[in-house]
Protein backbone atom coordinates (compact mmCIF):
# COMPACT_ATOMS: atom_id res chain seq x y z
CA MET A 1 62.54 66.80 100.37
CA LYS A 2 65.50 67.40 102.64
CA LYS A 3 68.02 70.04 101.59
CA VAL A 4 71.67 69.00 101.29
CA GLY A 5 74.38 71.31 102.66
CA PRO A 6 76.92 72.81 100.25
CA PHE A 7 79.77 70.70 101.67
CA ARG A 8 77.81 67.47 101.32
CA SER A 9 76.66 67.92 97.75
CA ILE A 10 78.19 65.82 94.99
CA ARG A 11 78.82 68.94 92.85
CA PHE A 12 81.01 70.46 95.54
CA LYS A 13 83.00 67.24 95.83
CA PHE A 14 83.53 67.14 92.05
CA VAL A 15 84.70 70.75 92.04
CA ILE A 16 87.17 70.07 94.86
CA ILE A 17 88.50 66.97 93.08
CA TYR A 18 88.98 68.88 89.82
CA VAL A 19 90.72 71.77 91.57
CA LEU A 20 93.05 69.39 93.39
CA LEU A 21 93.84 67.53 90.16
CA ILE A 22 94.64 70.81 88.42
CA LEU A 23 96.92 71.88 91.29
CA VAL A 24 98.76 68.55 91.26
CA ALA A 25 99.18 68.72 87.47
CA MET A 26 100.54 72.27 87.75
CA GLN A 27 103.03 71.15 90.40
CA ILE A 28 104.25 68.26 88.23
CA ILE A 29 104.60 70.48 85.17
CA GLY A 30 106.42 73.11 87.24
CA VAL A 31 108.92 70.59 88.58
CA TYR A 32 109.54 69.29 85.04
CA PHE A 33 110.18 72.77 83.65
CA VAL A 34 112.44 73.77 86.55
CA ARG A 35 114.58 70.66 86.07
CA LYS A 36 114.82 71.21 82.32
CA LEU A 37 115.70 74.87 82.85
CA GLU A 38 118.35 73.99 85.41
CA THR A 39 119.91 71.41 83.08
CA GLU A 40 119.94 73.90 80.20
CA LEU A 41 121.51 76.66 82.32
CA VAL A 42 124.23 74.35 83.66
CA GLN A 43 125.04 73.19 80.12
CA ASN A 44 125.21 76.79 78.87
CA PHE A 45 127.52 77.70 81.77
CA LYS A 46 129.85 74.78 80.99
CA ASN A 47 129.93 75.71 77.30
CA SER A 48 130.69 79.32 78.17
CA LEU A 49 133.56 78.29 80.46
CA ASN A 50 135.01 75.99 77.79
CA GLU A 51 134.89 78.77 75.20
CA ARG A 52 136.60 81.21 77.58
CA VAL A 53 139.33 78.69 78.40
CA THR A 54 139.91 78.06 74.70
CA LEU A 55 140.12 81.79 74.00
CA LEU A 56 142.47 82.32 76.95
CA ALA A 57 144.72 79.48 75.79
CA TYR A 58 144.84 80.97 72.30
CA ASN A 59 145.69 84.44 73.64
CA VAL A 60 148.44 83.07 75.89
CA GLU A 61 149.88 81.07 72.99
CA GLN A 62 149.93 84.17 70.78
CA ALA A 63 151.59 86.24 73.51
CA MET A 64 154.25 83.57 74.09
CA ASN A 65 154.98 83.35 70.35
CA ARG A 66 155.24 87.13 70.12
CA GLU A 67 157.69 87.25 73.03
CA ARG A 68 159.77 84.46 71.53
CA ASP A 69 159.88 86.27 68.19
CA GLU A 70 160.98 89.51 69.85
CA LYS A 71 163.78 87.80 71.80
CA SER A 72 165.16 85.79 68.90
CA PRO A 73 168.14 87.35 67.14
CA THR A 74 167.50 88.67 63.69
CA LEU A 75 169.91 87.79 60.94
């Protein structure tokens, strides 16, 4: 019986196919998670900016009201 080399055996080919399938699956899962993470981070950044703008608008409004109250004549 003739011996088959390690690179010609069917077992080796199956192992290579499985390893390549696992690598491709890991790449696809990685891309999915990176996109989801990026979307989540952008949304959090937008929410943070909106909250800061709202707080700044409130603080400016309070300061303007305080100045107006100080300048108005008291009876």
